[in-house]
Amino acid sequence: VAWFTTVNETGHAFAAFSSDSGRSWGQPIPLDDAGSLGQVGIVLLDDGSAAATWVEFANQQAQLKVRRVDASGARSAATNVTPVGVRPTGVPRVARMGDELLFAWTESAAPQGDATEGVLQMKTAAARVPRATAVR
């Protein structure tokens, strides 16, 4: 499972694993390195690890990010998938197809206050499943 929470006005994304159908959970694994805007997603991989996604704001840009995590707490390096709107209107969804991750979400086509505000665009992106390089 992946989730978003705010502590002292800073957002963070986490993941955790369960080996008993959700009756108990392992320790929370931080996804972001500095802070998150939320919009989390997760997909299990064949080896029992997971590809987890979140949106992070850095360098004046919101980025959809992904990293591989496993139940031991090992994490791959975070990978930038694509820039996204600061306030996407839909949570990016992730699905796996072989060694690729496919992402889809909606964003407003125009800035707030523009005549076309509220018109939605479907956005998509793809990325390779991150390698299992351990970073704690």
Protein backbone atom coordinates (compact mmCIF):
# COMPACT_ATOMS: atom_id res chain seq x y z
CA VAL A 1 0.00 0.00 0.00
CA ALA A 2 1.12 3.60 -0.58
CA TRP A 3 -0.17 6.74 1.14
CA PHE A 4 0.40 10.46 1.65
CA THR A 5 0.50 12.32 4.95
CA THR A 6 1.46 15.78 6.18
CA VAL A 7 3.67 16.34 9.22
CA ASN A 8 4.56 19.90 10.33
CA GLU A 9 3.14 21.27 7.04
CA THR A 10 5.44 19.08 4.91
CA GLY A 11 3.91 16.31 2.82
CA HIS A 12 5.49 12.88 2.58
CA ALA A 13 4.69 9.69 0.66
CA PHE A 14 5.18 6.21 2.15
CA ALA A 15 4.72 2.56 1.23
CA ALA A 16 4.39 -0.57 3.37
CA PHE A 17 4.07 -4.29 2.75
CA SER A 18 1.83 -6.93 4.29
CA SER A 19 2.45 -10.67 4.15
CA ASP A 20 -0.89 -11.62 5.75
CA SER A 21 -3.52 -9.97 3.54
CA GLY A 22 -3.46 -6.69 5.47
CA ARG A 23 -3.88 -7.96 9.02
CA SER A 24 -0.46 -6.48 9.85
CA TRP A 25 1.98 -4.21 8.05
CA GLY A 26 5.74 -3.75 7.90
CA GLN A 27 7.48 -0.49 8.72
CA PRO A 28 6.61 2.55 6.57
CA ILE A 29 9.14 3.09 3.76
CA PRO A 30 9.66 6.74 2.74
CA LEU A 31 9.19 7.27 -0.99
CA ASP A 32 10.17 10.93 -1.35
CA ASP A 33 13.59 12.31 -0.41
CA ALA A 34 12.55 15.82 0.59
CA GLY A 35 8.78 16.16 0.44
CA SER A 36 5.74 15.16 -1.58
CA LEU A 37 2.61 16.71 -3.02
CA GLY A 38 0.91 13.32 -2.73
CA GLN A 39 -0.80 11.70 -5.70
CA VAL A 40 0.64 8.27 -4.77
CA GLY A 41 0.32 4.99 -6.62
CA ILE A 42 1.81 1.51 -6.32
CA VAL A 43 2.01 -1.65 -8.40
CA LEU A 44 3.42 -5.00 -7.31
CA LEU A 45 6.22 -6.60 -9.32
CA ASP A 46 6.82 -10.30 -9.96
CA ASP A 47 9.63 -10.55 -7.37
CA GLY A 48 7.42 -9.22 -4.53
CA SER A 49 8.84 -5.69 -4.63
CA ALA A 50 6.76 -2.76 -5.85
CA ALA A 51 7.05 0.29 -8.08
CA ALA A 52 5.72 3.24 -6.09
CA THR A 53 4.88 6.67 -7.51
CA TRP A 54 4.30 10.13 -6.10
CA VAL A 55 4.38 13.79 -7.17
CA GLU A 56 7.20 15.94 -5.81
CA PHE A 57 7.85 19.67 -6.26
CA ALA A 58 11.47 20.62 -6.95
CA ASN A 59 13.23 23.23 -9.08
CA GLN A 60 9.98 25.14 -9.68
CA GLN A 61 8.36 22.06 -11.24
CA ALA A 62 6.04 19.28 -10.08
CA GLN A 63 7.41 15.89 -11.16
CA LEU A 64 5.82 12.46 -11.25
CA LYS A 65 8.45 10.19 -9.70
CA VAL A 66 8.88 6.44 -9.32
CA ARG A 67 11.14 4.15 -7.33
CA ARG A 68 11.29 0.46 -6.58
CA VAL A 69 10.81 -0.57 -2.94
CA ASP A 70 10.80 -3.93 -1.19
CA ALA A 71 9.58 -5.19 2.17
CA SER A 72 13.07 -4.93 3.70
CA GLY A 73 12.98 -1.16 3.19
CA ALA A 74 15.46 -1.19 0.28
CA ARG A 75 14.73 1.50 -2.32
CA SER A 76 16.07 2.20 -5.77
CA ALA A 77 17.06 5.72 -6.71
CA ALA A 78 14.06 7.92 -7.48
CA THR A 79 13.44 8.49 -11.20
CA ASN A 80 11.67 11.48 -12.75
CA VAL A 81 8.94 10.19 -15.05
CA THR A 82 7.49 13.45 -16.36
CA PRO A 83 6.55 16.98 -15.29
CA VAL A 84 2.91 17.30 -14.19
CA GLY A 85 0.66 20.20 -13.34
CA VAL A 86 1.00 21.36 -9.74
CA ARG A 87 -2.65 20.47 -9.25
CA PRO A 88 -3.48 17.58 -11.55
CA THR A 89 -7.21 16.96 -11.51
CA GLY A 90 -6.70 13.20 -11.47
CA VAL A 91 -4.30 11.05 -9.48
CA PRO A 92 -1.74 9.49 -11.84
CA ARG A 93 -2.61 5.80 -12.18
CA VAL A 94 0.15 3.27 -12.78
CA ALA A 95 0.02 -0.15 -14.42
CA ARG A 96 2.79 -2.54 -15.36
CA MET A 97 3.18 -4.15 -18.76
CA GLY A 98 6.27 -6.38 -18.80
CA ASP A 99 9.29 -4.22 -17.94
CA GLU A 100 7.43 -0.94 -18.49
CA LEU A 101 5.22 1.17 -16.28
CA LEU A 102 2.35 3.03 -17.91
CA PHE A 103 0.89 6.17 -16.31
CA ALA A 104 -2.36 8.05 -17.02
CA TRP A 105 -3.99 11.10 -15.40
CA THR A 106 -5.98 14.20 -16.25
CA GLU A 107 -4.96 17.85 -16.00
CA SER A 108 -6.80 21.09 -16.57
CA ALA A 109 -6.00 22.36 -20.07
CA ALA A 110 -5.78 26.00 -18.98
CA PRO A 111 -4.52 28.07 -16.04
CA GLN A 112 -6.99 29.08 -13.36
CA GLY A 113 -9.16 31.98 -14.53
CA ASP A 114 -8.64 31.24 -18.26
CA ALA A 115 -11.78 31.00 -20.43
CA THR A 116 -11.09 27.32 -21.07
CA GLU A 117 -10.53 26.50 -17.39
CA GLY A 118 -12.15 23.21 -16.50
CA VAL A 119 -11.42 21.56 -19.85
CA LEU A 120 -9.59 18.34 -19.06
CA GLN A 121 -6.76 16.75 -21.00
CA MET A 122 -5.77 13.10 -20.69
CA LYS A 123 -2.02 12.79 -20.09
CA THR A 124 0.08 9.65 -20.37
CA ALA A 125 3.69 8.64 -19.81
CA ALA A 126 5.77 5.48 -19.76
CA ALA A 127 8.95 4.47 -17.91
CA ARG A 128 11.03 1.37 -17.35
CA VAL A 129 10.56 -0.52 -14.08
CA PRO A 130 13.39 0.77 -11.83
CA ARG A 131 16.23 -1.63 -11.16
CA ALA A 132 16.50 -3.16 -7.71
CA THR A 133 19.54 -1.12 -6.63
CA ALA A 134 19.34 -0.78 -2.85
CA VAL A 135 19.39 2.71 -1.39
CA ARG A 136 18.27 3.27 2.20
